[in-house]
N, C-alpha and C. Protein backbone atom coordinates (compact mmCIF):
# COMPACT_ATOMS: atom_id res chain seq x y z
N MET A 1 4.68 11.04 21.70
CA MET A 1 4.13 10.34 20.53
C MET A 1 4.51 11.09 19.26
N LYS A 2 4.86 10.35 18.24
CA LYS A 2 5.26 10.95 16.97
C LYS A 2 4.47 10.31 15.83
N LEU A 3 3.91 11.13 14.94
CA LEU A 3 3.22 10.64 13.75
C LEU A 3 4.16 10.71 12.56
N ILE A 4 4.27 9.61 11.82
CA ILE A 4 5.10 9.55 10.63
C ILE A 4 4.19 9.30 9.43
N ASP A 5 4.11 10.26 8.55
CA ASP A 5 3.25 10.13 7.37
C ASP A 5 3.93 9.21 6.36
N ILE A 6 3.28 8.11 6.00
CA ILE A 6 3.86 7.18 5.02
C ILE A 6 3.03 7.14 3.74
N SER A 7 2.32 8.23 3.49
CA SER A 7 1.55 8.37 2.24
C SER A 7 2.29 9.32 1.31
N PRO A 8 2.59 8.91 0.09
CA PRO A 8 3.25 9.82 -0.85
C PRO A 8 2.29 10.92 -1.30
N LEU A 9 2.84 12.06 -1.63
CA LEU A 9 2.03 13.14 -2.17
C LEU A 9 1.48 12.74 -3.54
N VAL A 10 0.20 12.95 -3.75
CA VAL A 10 -0.43 12.68 -5.04
C VAL A 10 -0.73 14.01 -5.71
N SER A 11 -0.31 14.14 -6.97
CA SER A 11 -0.57 15.37 -7.72
C SER A 11 -0.96 14.99 -9.14
N GLN A 12 -1.29 15.98 -9.94
CA GLN A 12 -1.66 15.72 -11.32
C GLN A 12 -0.46 15.27 -12.14
N ALA A 13 0.73 15.37 -11.56
CA ALA A 13 1.94 14.88 -12.22
C ALA A 13 2.30 13.46 -11.81
N SER A 14 1.55 12.89 -10.86
CA SER A 14 1.87 11.55 -10.37
C SER A 14 1.66 10.51 -11.47
N PRO A 15 2.65 9.66 -11.73
CA PRO A 15 2.50 8.65 -12.78
C PRO A 15 1.60 7.51 -12.32
N VAL A 16 0.95 6.88 -13.27
CA VAL A 16 0.07 5.74 -12.97
C VAL A 16 0.50 4.54 -13.80
N PHE A 17 0.06 3.37 -13.37
CA PHE A 17 0.30 2.16 -14.16
C PHE A 17 -0.27 2.38 -15.56
N PRO A 18 0.46 1.98 -16.60
CA PRO A 18 -0.02 2.20 -17.97
C PRO A 18 -1.46 1.74 -18.17
N GLY A 19 -2.30 2.67 -18.60
CA GLY A 19 -3.72 2.36 -18.81
C GLY A 19 -4.61 2.86 -17.69
N ASP A 20 -4.03 3.13 -16.50
CA ASP A 20 -4.81 3.67 -15.39
C ASP A 20 -5.10 5.15 -15.61
N VAL A 21 -6.00 5.68 -14.80
CA VAL A 21 -6.43 7.08 -14.93
C VAL A 21 -5.62 7.96 -13.98
N PRO A 22 -4.91 8.96 -14.50
CA PRO A 22 -4.18 9.88 -13.62
C PRO A 22 -5.12 10.84 -12.91
N LEU A 23 -4.59 11.58 -11.97
CA LEU A 23 -5.39 12.56 -11.25
C LEU A 23 -5.65 13.78 -12.11
N THR A 24 -6.92 14.16 -12.20
CA THR A 24 -7.30 15.44 -12.81
C THR A 24 -8.24 16.14 -11.83
N ILE A 25 -8.07 17.45 -11.71
CA ILE A 25 -8.89 18.25 -10.79
C ILE A 25 -9.58 19.34 -11.59
N GLN A 26 -10.87 19.49 -11.36
CA GLN A 26 -11.65 20.50 -12.07
C GLN A 26 -12.45 21.33 -11.07
N THR A 27 -12.38 22.65 -11.21
CA THR A 27 -13.19 23.54 -10.38
C THR A 27 -14.59 23.59 -10.96
N THR A 28 -15.58 23.21 -10.15
CA THR A 28 -16.96 23.17 -10.62
C THR A 28 -17.77 24.38 -10.17
N VAL A 29 -17.34 24.99 -9.07
CA VAL A 29 -17.98 26.21 -8.57
C VAL A 29 -16.88 27.16 -8.12
N SER A 30 -16.98 28.41 -8.51
CA SER A 30 -16.03 29.41 -8.04
C SER A 30 -16.79 30.64 -7.56
N GLY A 31 -16.09 31.51 -6.88
CA GLY A 31 -16.74 32.68 -6.31
C GLY A 31 -16.42 32.78 -4.85
N CYS A 32 -17.46 32.95 -4.02
CA CYS A 32 -17.21 33.04 -2.57
C CYS A 32 -16.59 31.75 -2.04
N ALA A 33 -17.02 30.65 -2.59
CA ALA A 33 -16.49 29.35 -2.18
C ALA A 33 -16.10 28.57 -3.43
N ARG A 34 -15.02 27.86 -3.33
CA ARG A 34 -14.57 27.03 -4.44
C ARG A 34 -14.99 25.59 -4.19
N VAL A 35 -15.51 24.92 -5.21
CA VAL A 35 -15.86 23.51 -5.14
C VAL A 35 -15.20 22.82 -6.32
N SER A 36 -14.56 21.70 -6.05
CA SER A 36 -13.84 20.97 -7.10
C SER A 36 -14.33 19.54 -7.20
N SER A 37 -14.08 18.95 -8.35
CA SER A 37 -14.27 17.52 -8.55
C SER A 37 -12.93 16.95 -9.00
N PHE A 38 -12.75 15.65 -8.78
CA PHE A 38 -11.51 15.04 -9.25
C PHE A 38 -11.79 13.64 -9.76
N GLU A 39 -10.90 13.19 -10.63
CA GLU A 39 -10.96 11.83 -11.16
C GLU A 39 -9.57 11.23 -11.08
N MET A 40 -9.48 9.97 -10.66
CA MET A 40 -8.19 9.29 -10.58
C MET A 40 -8.41 7.80 -10.37
N SER A 41 -7.40 7.03 -10.68
CA SER A 41 -7.44 5.61 -10.40
C SER A 41 -7.52 5.38 -8.90
N ALA A 42 -8.28 4.40 -8.49
CA ALA A 42 -8.37 4.05 -7.07
C ALA A 42 -7.06 3.47 -6.55
N HIS A 43 -6.12 3.18 -7.46
CA HIS A 43 -4.84 2.58 -7.09
C HIS A 43 -3.70 3.59 -7.15
N LEU A 44 -4.02 4.86 -7.30
CA LEU A 44 -3.00 5.90 -7.35
C LEU A 44 -2.58 6.27 -5.94
N GLY A 45 -1.27 6.40 -5.74
CA GLY A 45 -0.76 6.73 -4.41
C GLY A 45 -0.93 5.57 -3.44
N ALA A 46 -0.75 5.85 -2.15
CA ALA A 46 -0.95 4.81 -1.14
C ALA A 46 -2.40 4.34 -1.17
N HIS A 47 -2.59 3.03 -1.24
CA HIS A 47 -3.95 2.50 -1.33
C HIS A 47 -4.03 1.10 -0.75
N VAL A 48 -5.26 0.66 -0.50
CA VAL A 48 -5.51 -0.69 -0.05
C VAL A 48 -6.41 -1.37 -1.07
N ASP A 49 -6.10 -2.63 -1.35
CA ASP A 49 -6.92 -3.43 -2.26
C ASP A 49 -8.00 -4.17 -1.48
N ALA A 50 -9.20 -4.19 -2.02
CA ALA A 50 -10.28 -5.00 -1.45
C ALA A 50 -10.34 -6.33 -2.21
N PRO A 51 -11.00 -7.35 -1.66
CA PRO A 51 -11.12 -8.63 -2.36
C PRO A 51 -11.70 -8.51 -3.77
N SER A 52 -12.60 -7.54 -3.98
CA SER A 52 -13.22 -7.39 -5.30
C SER A 52 -12.23 -6.96 -6.38
N HIS A 53 -11.02 -6.57 -5.98
CA HIS A 53 -9.96 -6.23 -6.94
C HIS A 53 -9.69 -7.42 -7.87
N LEU A 54 -9.85 -8.63 -7.32
CA LEU A 54 -9.62 -9.83 -8.13
C LEU A 54 -10.89 -10.67 -8.24
N GLY A 55 -12.04 -10.02 -8.11
CA GLY A 55 -13.29 -10.72 -8.36
C GLY A 55 -13.87 -11.45 -7.17
N SER A 56 -13.24 -11.35 -6.01
CA SER A 56 -13.81 -11.98 -4.82
C SER A 56 -14.85 -11.06 -4.20
N ARG A 57 -15.61 -11.58 -3.27
CA ARG A 57 -16.69 -10.80 -2.65
C ARG A 57 -16.14 -9.84 -1.60
N GLY A 58 -16.57 -8.59 -1.64
CA GLY A 58 -16.18 -7.61 -0.65
C GLY A 58 -15.46 -6.43 -1.26
N ASP A 59 -16.06 -5.24 -1.13
CA ASP A 59 -15.39 -4.05 -1.65
C ASP A 59 -14.85 -3.22 -0.49
N ILE A 60 -14.37 -2.02 -0.79
CA ILE A 60 -13.72 -1.19 0.21
C ILE A 60 -14.62 -0.90 1.40
N ALA A 61 -15.88 -0.65 1.15
CA ALA A 61 -16.79 -0.30 2.24
C ALA A 61 -17.03 -1.47 3.19
N ASP A 62 -16.68 -2.68 2.78
CA ASP A 62 -16.89 -3.86 3.61
C ASP A 62 -15.73 -4.17 4.55
N ILE A 63 -14.58 -3.51 4.35
CA ILE A 63 -13.40 -3.85 5.13
C ILE A 63 -13.56 -3.42 6.60
N ASP A 64 -13.24 -4.32 7.50
CA ASP A 64 -13.24 -4.04 8.93
C ASP A 64 -12.06 -3.12 9.24
N LEU A 65 -12.33 -1.90 9.67
CA LEU A 65 -11.26 -0.92 9.88
C LEU A 65 -10.27 -1.33 10.97
N THR A 66 -10.68 -2.19 11.89
CA THR A 66 -9.75 -2.61 12.93
C THR A 66 -8.55 -3.36 12.35
N ARG A 67 -8.71 -3.89 11.15
CA ARG A 67 -7.61 -4.60 10.51
C ARG A 67 -6.54 -3.64 9.99
N LEU A 68 -6.90 -2.38 9.87
CA LEU A 68 -5.99 -1.37 9.34
C LEU A 68 -5.44 -0.45 10.42
N VAL A 69 -5.70 -0.79 11.66
CA VAL A 69 -5.23 0.00 12.80
C VAL A 69 -4.62 -0.97 13.82
N GLY A 70 -3.38 -0.66 14.28
CA GLY A 70 -2.79 -1.49 15.32
C GLY A 70 -1.31 -1.73 15.11
N ASP A 71 -0.79 -2.65 15.90
CA ASP A 71 0.65 -2.96 15.86
C ASP A 71 1.08 -3.38 14.47
N CYS A 72 2.27 -2.93 14.07
CA CYS A 72 2.84 -3.39 12.80
C CYS A 72 4.36 -3.47 12.92
N GLN A 73 4.94 -4.24 12.04
CA GLN A 73 6.39 -4.41 11.96
C GLN A 73 6.88 -3.92 10.61
N LEU A 74 7.81 -2.99 10.62
CA LEU A 74 8.43 -2.50 9.39
C LEU A 74 9.76 -3.20 9.20
N ILE A 75 9.90 -3.91 8.07
CA ILE A 75 11.14 -4.61 7.78
C ILE A 75 11.78 -4.01 6.54
N SER A 76 13.10 -4.12 6.45
CA SER A 76 13.83 -3.58 5.31
C SER A 76 14.38 -4.71 4.45
N VAL A 77 14.03 -4.68 3.16
CA VAL A 77 14.55 -5.65 2.19
C VAL A 77 15.00 -4.85 0.97
N PRO A 78 16.17 -4.22 1.03
CA PRO A 78 16.62 -3.35 -0.05
C PRO A 78 16.95 -4.12 -1.33
N THR A 79 16.08 -4.04 -2.31
CA THR A 79 16.29 -4.73 -3.58
C THR A 79 15.40 -4.12 -4.64
N GLN A 80 15.75 -4.37 -5.91
CA GLN A 80 14.89 -3.96 -7.02
C GLN A 80 14.30 -5.18 -7.73
N GLY A 81 14.59 -6.35 -7.22
CA GLY A 81 14.11 -7.56 -7.86
C GLY A 81 13.14 -8.33 -7.00
N ALA A 82 13.16 -9.64 -7.18
CA ALA A 82 12.26 -10.51 -6.44
C ALA A 82 12.64 -10.58 -4.97
N ILE A 83 11.64 -10.51 -4.11
CA ILE A 83 11.84 -10.72 -2.67
C ILE A 83 11.47 -12.16 -2.39
N SER A 84 12.48 -12.97 -2.13
CA SER A 84 12.25 -14.39 -1.91
C SER A 84 11.99 -14.65 -0.42
N ARG A 85 11.55 -15.84 -0.14
CA ARG A 85 11.22 -16.20 1.24
C ARG A 85 12.41 -16.04 2.16
N ASP A 86 13.62 -16.45 1.71
CA ASP A 86 14.78 -16.40 2.58
C ASP A 86 15.33 -14.98 2.79
N MET A 87 14.79 -14.00 2.09
CA MET A 87 15.19 -12.61 2.29
C MET A 87 14.39 -11.93 3.38
N LEU A 88 13.33 -12.57 3.83
CA LEU A 88 12.46 -11.98 4.84
C LEU A 88 12.91 -12.40 6.24
N PRO A 89 13.00 -11.45 7.16
CA PRO A 89 13.37 -11.79 8.54
C PRO A 89 12.20 -12.44 9.27
N GLU A 90 12.43 -12.78 10.52
CA GLU A 90 11.36 -13.36 11.33
C GLU A 90 10.24 -12.34 11.50
N VAL A 91 9.04 -12.79 11.31
CA VAL A 91 7.87 -11.92 11.42
C VAL A 91 7.30 -12.02 12.83
N LYS A 92 7.08 -10.84 13.43
CA LYS A 92 6.60 -10.79 14.81
C LYS A 92 5.33 -9.96 14.96
N SER A 93 4.65 -9.70 13.87
CA SER A 93 3.41 -8.93 13.91
C SER A 93 2.47 -9.44 12.84
N LYS A 94 1.19 -9.25 13.03
CA LYS A 94 0.23 -9.67 12.01
C LYS A 94 0.08 -8.61 10.92
N ARG A 95 0.72 -7.47 11.11
CA ARG A 95 0.78 -6.44 10.06
C ARG A 95 2.24 -6.18 9.74
N VAL A 96 2.62 -6.39 8.48
CA VAL A 96 4.02 -6.26 8.08
C VAL A 96 4.13 -5.28 6.92
N LEU A 97 5.00 -4.28 7.07
CA LEU A 97 5.30 -3.33 6.01
C LEU A 97 6.72 -3.60 5.51
N ILE A 98 6.88 -3.63 4.18
CA ILE A 98 8.17 -3.97 3.58
C ILE A 98 8.77 -2.75 2.90
N LYS A 99 9.95 -2.36 3.38
CA LYS A 99 10.68 -1.22 2.84
C LYS A 99 11.75 -1.72 1.88
N THR A 100 11.61 -1.40 0.61
CA THR A 100 12.60 -1.83 -0.38
C THR A 100 13.50 -0.68 -0.83
N GLY A 101 13.09 0.55 -0.53
CA GLY A 101 13.85 1.71 -0.97
C GLY A 101 13.36 2.31 -2.27
N PHE A 102 12.24 1.78 -2.79
CA PHE A 102 11.72 2.26 -4.07
C PHE A 102 11.02 3.61 -3.91
N VAL A 103 11.29 4.51 -4.86
CA VAL A 103 10.60 5.80 -4.93
C VAL A 103 10.14 5.98 -6.37
N LEU A 104 8.84 6.15 -6.58
CA LEU A 104 8.30 6.20 -7.94
C LEU A 104 8.69 7.45 -8.70
N GLY A 105 8.66 8.60 -8.06
CA GLY A 105 9.00 9.84 -8.76
C GLY A 105 7.88 10.33 -9.64
N THR A 106 8.24 11.00 -10.74
CA THR A 106 7.23 11.60 -11.61
C THR A 106 7.09 10.87 -12.95
N VAL A 107 7.84 9.79 -13.14
CA VAL A 107 7.76 8.99 -14.36
C VAL A 107 7.55 7.54 -13.96
N TRP A 108 6.60 6.87 -14.62
CA TRP A 108 6.31 5.48 -14.28
C TRP A 108 7.55 4.61 -14.47
N ARG A 109 7.80 3.76 -13.49
CA ARG A 109 8.90 2.78 -13.54
C ARG A 109 8.36 1.41 -13.18
N ASP A 110 8.81 0.39 -13.90
CA ASP A 110 8.36 -0.95 -13.58
C ASP A 110 9.49 -1.83 -13.03
N ASP A 111 10.60 -1.19 -12.63
CA ASP A 111 11.73 -1.93 -12.09
C ASP A 111 11.67 -1.98 -10.57
N PHE A 112 10.50 -2.28 -10.03
CA PHE A 112 10.34 -2.28 -8.58
C PHE A 112 10.37 -3.70 -8.02
N ALA A 113 10.70 -3.78 -6.73
CA ALA A 113 10.74 -5.06 -6.04
C ALA A 113 9.33 -5.62 -5.85
N TYR A 114 9.25 -6.92 -5.72
CA TYR A 114 7.96 -7.58 -5.58
C TYR A 114 8.14 -8.88 -4.80
N LEU A 115 7.05 -9.39 -4.27
CA LEU A 115 7.09 -10.64 -3.51
C LEU A 115 6.91 -11.84 -4.42
N THR A 116 7.76 -12.83 -4.25
CA THR A 116 7.52 -14.09 -4.94
C THR A 116 6.33 -14.78 -4.27
N PRO A 117 5.64 -15.67 -4.97
CA PRO A 117 4.54 -16.40 -4.32
C PRO A 117 4.99 -17.14 -3.07
N GLU A 118 6.22 -17.65 -3.08
CA GLU A 118 6.74 -18.37 -1.92
C GLU A 118 6.90 -17.44 -0.72
N ALA A 119 7.34 -16.20 -0.98
CA ALA A 119 7.48 -15.23 0.10
C ALA A 119 6.12 -14.84 0.65
N THR A 120 5.16 -14.66 -0.24
CA THR A 120 3.81 -14.32 0.19
C THR A 120 3.21 -15.46 1.02
N GLN A 121 3.43 -16.69 0.59
CA GLN A 121 2.92 -17.84 1.33
C GLN A 121 3.57 -17.93 2.71
N TYR A 122 4.85 -17.61 2.79
CA TYR A 122 5.54 -17.61 4.09
C TYR A 122 4.89 -16.62 5.04
N LEU A 123 4.58 -15.42 4.55
CA LEU A 123 3.95 -14.41 5.40
C LEU A 123 2.57 -14.87 5.86
N ILE A 124 1.83 -15.49 4.95
CA ILE A 124 0.51 -16.02 5.31
C ILE A 124 0.63 -17.08 6.40
N GLU A 125 1.57 -18.00 6.22
CA GLU A 125 1.77 -19.08 7.19
C GLU A 125 2.27 -18.55 8.54
N ALA A 126 2.91 -17.37 8.52
CA ALA A 126 3.40 -16.75 9.75
C ALA A 126 2.29 -15.99 10.48
N GLY A 127 1.09 -15.98 9.91
CA GLY A 127 -0.04 -15.34 10.56
C GLY A 127 -0.24 -13.88 10.20
N VAL A 128 0.43 -13.42 9.15
CA VAL A 128 0.29 -12.03 8.73
C VAL A 128 -1.09 -11.81 8.12
N GLU A 129 -1.75 -10.72 8.53
CA GLU A 129 -3.09 -10.39 8.04
C GLU A 129 -3.09 -9.14 7.18
N LEU A 130 -1.96 -8.44 7.13
CA LEU A 130 -1.83 -7.24 6.31
C LEU A 130 -0.40 -7.15 5.81
N ILE A 131 -0.26 -6.99 4.49
CA ILE A 131 1.06 -6.81 3.87
C ILE A 131 1.09 -5.45 3.21
N GLY A 132 2.06 -4.62 3.59
CA GLY A 132 2.25 -3.32 2.95
C GLY A 132 3.61 -3.26 2.30
N ILE A 133 3.73 -2.48 1.24
CA ILE A 133 5.00 -2.38 0.52
C ILE A 133 5.13 -0.98 -0.08
N ASP A 134 6.36 -0.56 -0.32
CA ASP A 134 6.59 0.78 -0.87
C ASP A 134 6.69 0.80 -2.39
N THR A 135 6.20 -0.24 -3.03
CA THR A 135 6.20 -0.32 -4.49
C THR A 135 4.75 -0.30 -5.00
N PRO A 136 4.55 -0.14 -6.32
CA PRO A 136 3.19 -0.10 -6.85
C PRO A 136 2.43 -1.42 -6.75
N SER A 137 3.14 -2.53 -6.51
CA SER A 137 2.46 -3.82 -6.48
C SER A 137 3.29 -4.84 -5.72
N ILE A 138 2.62 -5.81 -5.09
CA ILE A 138 3.34 -6.92 -4.48
C ILE A 138 3.72 -7.95 -5.53
N ASP A 139 3.19 -7.81 -6.74
CA ASP A 139 3.55 -8.69 -7.85
C ASP A 139 4.47 -7.97 -8.82
N LYS A 140 5.22 -8.72 -9.60
CA LYS A 140 6.07 -8.15 -10.64
C LYS A 140 5.20 -7.37 -11.63
N SER A 141 5.75 -6.30 -12.15
CA SER A 141 4.95 -5.37 -12.97
C SER A 141 4.30 -6.04 -14.17
N ASP A 142 4.96 -7.06 -14.76
CA ASP A 142 4.42 -7.69 -15.96
C ASP A 142 3.80 -9.05 -15.68
N ASP A 143 3.55 -9.37 -14.40
CA ASP A 143 2.96 -10.65 -14.04
C ASP A 143 1.44 -10.55 -14.09
N GLU A 144 0.87 -10.91 -15.22
CA GLU A 144 -0.58 -10.81 -15.38
C GLU A 144 -1.34 -11.83 -14.55
N ALA A 145 -0.64 -12.86 -14.05
CA ALA A 145 -1.30 -13.87 -13.22
C ALA A 145 -1.55 -13.36 -11.81
N LEU A 146 -0.79 -12.33 -11.38
CA LEU A 146 -0.97 -11.72 -10.05
C LEU A 146 -1.01 -12.77 -8.95
N ARG A 147 -0.02 -13.65 -8.96
CA ARG A 147 -0.05 -14.80 -8.05
C ARG A 147 0.02 -14.41 -6.58
N SER A 148 0.84 -13.41 -6.24
CA SER A 148 0.91 -12.99 -4.83
C SER A 148 -0.38 -12.32 -4.39
N HIS A 149 -0.98 -11.53 -5.28
CA HIS A 149 -2.28 -10.94 -4.96
C HIS A 149 -3.31 -12.03 -4.67
N ILE A 150 -3.37 -13.02 -5.53
CA ILE A 150 -4.36 -14.09 -5.37
C ILE A 150 -4.15 -14.84 -4.07
N LEU A 151 -2.89 -15.18 -3.75
CA LEU A 151 -2.61 -15.88 -2.50
C LEU A 151 -3.07 -15.05 -1.30
N ALA A 152 -2.75 -13.75 -1.32
CA ALA A 152 -3.10 -12.89 -0.20
C ALA A 152 -4.60 -12.74 -0.06
N ILE A 153 -5.27 -12.43 -1.14
CA ILE A 153 -6.72 -12.20 -1.08
C ILE A 153 -7.46 -13.49 -0.71
N ASP A 154 -7.02 -14.62 -1.25
CA ASP A 154 -7.66 -15.89 -0.90
C ASP A 154 -7.48 -16.22 0.58
N ALA A 155 -6.41 -15.69 1.20
CA ALA A 155 -6.16 -15.92 2.63
C ALA A 155 -6.70 -14.78 3.50
N SER A 156 -7.49 -13.88 2.89
CA SER A 156 -8.08 -12.73 3.60
C SER A 156 -7.02 -11.79 4.16
N VAL A 157 -5.90 -11.67 3.44
CA VAL A 157 -4.83 -10.75 3.83
C VAL A 157 -5.00 -9.44 3.06
N LEU A 158 -4.99 -8.32 3.77
CA LEU A 158 -5.10 -7.01 3.13
C LEU A 158 -3.76 -6.63 2.49
N ILE A 159 -3.84 -5.90 1.38
CA ILE A 159 -2.66 -5.47 0.64
C ILE A 159 -2.63 -3.96 0.58
N LEU A 160 -1.54 -3.37 1.08
CA LEU A 160 -1.31 -1.93 0.98
C LEU A 160 -0.12 -1.72 0.05
N GLU A 161 -0.27 -0.80 -0.89
CA GLU A 161 0.80 -0.57 -1.87
C GLU A 161 1.10 0.92 -2.00
N ASN A 162 2.26 1.22 -2.58
CA ASN A 162 2.70 2.61 -2.81
C ASN A 162 2.91 3.39 -1.51
N LEU A 163 3.33 2.71 -0.46
CA LEU A 163 3.63 3.41 0.78
C LEU A 163 4.96 4.17 0.64
N CYS A 164 5.13 5.20 1.43
CA CYS A 164 6.35 6.00 1.42
C CYS A 164 7.15 5.67 2.67
N LEU A 165 8.13 4.78 2.55
CA LEU A 165 8.86 4.27 3.71
C LEU A 165 10.34 4.63 3.70
N THR A 166 10.77 5.41 2.74
CA THR A 166 12.19 5.69 2.54
C THR A 166 12.89 6.19 3.79
N ASP A 167 12.26 7.08 4.52
CA ASP A 167 12.92 7.72 5.65
C ASP A 167 12.53 7.15 7.00
N VAL A 168 11.94 5.97 7.00
CA VAL A 168 11.47 5.38 8.25
C VAL A 168 12.38 4.22 8.66
N THR A 169 12.77 4.21 9.92
CA THR A 169 13.64 3.18 10.46
C THR A 169 12.86 1.88 10.68
N PRO A 170 13.41 0.74 10.28
CA PRO A 170 12.74 -0.55 10.56
C PRO A 170 12.49 -0.71 12.06
N GLY A 171 11.40 -1.34 12.39
CA GLY A 171 11.06 -1.53 13.79
C GLY A 171 9.57 -1.75 13.96
N PHE A 172 9.07 -1.45 15.14
CA PHE A 172 7.67 -1.71 15.47
C PHE A 172 6.94 -0.39 15.72
N TYR A 173 5.75 -0.29 15.17
CA TYR A 173 4.96 0.93 15.21
C TYR A 173 3.49 0.59 15.39
N GLN A 174 2.68 1.63 15.54
CA GLN A 174 1.24 1.52 15.42
C GLN A 174 0.87 2.07 14.03
N LEU A 175 0.11 1.30 13.29
CA LEU A 175 -0.33 1.69 11.96
C LEU A 175 -1.75 2.22 11.99
N ILE A 176 -1.97 3.33 11.28
CA ILE A 176 -3.33 3.82 11.03
C ILE A 176 -3.42 4.08 9.53
N ALA A 177 -4.26 3.34 8.83
CA ALA A 177 -4.36 3.45 7.38
C ALA A 177 -5.81 3.27 6.96
N LEU A 178 -6.53 4.38 6.90
CA LEU A 178 -7.98 4.30 6.69
C LEU A 178 -8.39 4.65 5.26
N PRO A 179 -9.21 3.80 4.64
CA PRO A 179 -9.70 4.06 3.28
C PRO A 179 -10.95 4.92 3.29
N LEU A 180 -11.31 5.42 2.12
CA LEU A 180 -12.58 6.09 1.95
C LEU A 180 -13.71 5.06 1.97
N LYS A 181 -14.86 5.45 2.48
CA LYS A 181 -16.00 4.52 2.57
C LYS A 181 -16.90 4.73 1.36
N ILE A 182 -16.47 4.16 0.23
CA ILE A 182 -17.20 4.32 -1.03
C ILE A 182 -17.66 2.95 -1.51
N SER A 183 -18.94 2.76 -1.57
CA SER A 183 -19.48 1.47 -1.99
C SER A 183 -19.16 1.20 -3.45
N GLY A 184 -18.74 -0.03 -3.72
CA GLY A 184 -18.50 -0.46 -5.09
C GLY A 184 -17.06 -0.39 -5.55
N LEU A 185 -16.18 0.25 -4.78
CA LEU A 185 -14.78 0.36 -5.19
C LEU A 185 -13.99 -0.88 -4.79
N GLU A 186 -13.05 -1.28 -5.66
CA GLU A 186 -12.19 -2.43 -5.40
C GLU A 186 -10.87 -2.03 -4.73
N ALA A 187 -10.65 -0.72 -4.57
CA ALA A 187 -9.48 -0.20 -3.88
C ALA A 187 -9.79 1.22 -3.44
N SER A 188 -8.97 1.75 -2.54
CA SER A 188 -9.18 3.12 -2.09
C SER A 188 -7.87 3.75 -1.69
N PRO A 189 -7.70 5.04 -2.00
CA PRO A 189 -6.55 5.77 -1.47
C PRO A 189 -6.57 5.77 0.05
N LEU A 190 -5.36 5.87 0.64
CA LEU A 190 -5.20 5.90 2.09
C LEU A 190 -4.42 7.14 2.51
N ARG A 191 -4.71 7.65 3.69
CA ARG A 191 -3.76 8.53 4.37
C ARG A 191 -3.18 7.66 5.49
N ALA A 192 -2.05 7.06 5.22
CA ALA A 192 -1.46 6.11 6.14
C ALA A 192 -0.39 6.78 7.00
N VAL A 193 -0.43 6.50 8.29
CA VAL A 193 0.58 7.04 9.20
C VAL A 193 1.04 5.93 10.15
N LEU A 194 2.26 6.11 10.64
CA LEU A 194 2.79 5.27 11.70
C LEU A 194 2.88 6.11 12.97
N VAL A 195 2.55 5.49 14.09
CA VAL A 195 2.65 6.16 15.38
C VAL A 195 3.81 5.53 16.14
N SER A 196 4.71 6.38 16.63
CA SER A 196 5.87 5.91 17.36
C SER A 196 6.02 6.69 18.66
N GLU A 197 6.53 6.02 19.67
CA GLU A 197 6.82 6.70 20.93
C GLU A 197 8.21 7.30 20.92
N LYS A 198 9.00 6.94 19.89
CA LYS A 198 10.39 7.41 19.81
C LYS A 198 10.47 8.66 18.95
N GLU A 199 11.55 9.38 19.09
CA GLU A 199 11.76 10.59 18.29
C GLU A 199 12.77 10.38 17.17
N ASN A 200 13.37 9.20 17.09
CA ASN A 200 14.43 8.96 16.10
C ASN A 200 14.09 7.82 15.15
N ASP A 201 12.83 7.73 14.77
CA ASP A 201 12.41 6.64 13.89
C ASP A 201 12.44 7.02 12.41
N CYS A 202 13.04 8.15 12.09
CA CYS A 202 13.26 8.52 10.70
C CYS A 202 14.76 8.66 10.47
N VAL A 203 15.22 8.21 9.31
CA VAL A 203 16.64 8.27 9.00
C VAL A 203 16.93 9.40 8.06
């Protein structure tokens, strides 16, 4: 068995969507033991959106964890633009992760790939219950209507964003992506991993 970490490292240098809160860490107690506090956007790094992200009922603490654990399909769609329906291969899992090749780095970039509403609807119609992507959003960076988000959330589909998939080979894995159990949050950071029985699932 092999564990593949698909969570990007989060640091105080990690860029955030314009207007979001970056990570800050403060030592509150020092001496024999150190105690720290931190502040950051709930959407920084790998994270999952809850329905309350768009005003629907249900926050992070309400999510059924079984939906975030189990079989998944990793597909590769190398692009920096719109991911249309005809660019998506046949879906064979109810959890689909999309590898576009995007890496955020240390400076915010909005030239990332995103799902068109038609592509999102195709995944929904194919029975997908979880959509993950290696970009900051399944919607275009300047799309204030958030049409793909709305389609997914209205269909009770979970959204995982900012995954680190660059070095992972497309194929089938076991996904484990657990959020923090914090009441009232509309999103939560994840430590997401893929479980593989193979030893050559990284490129």
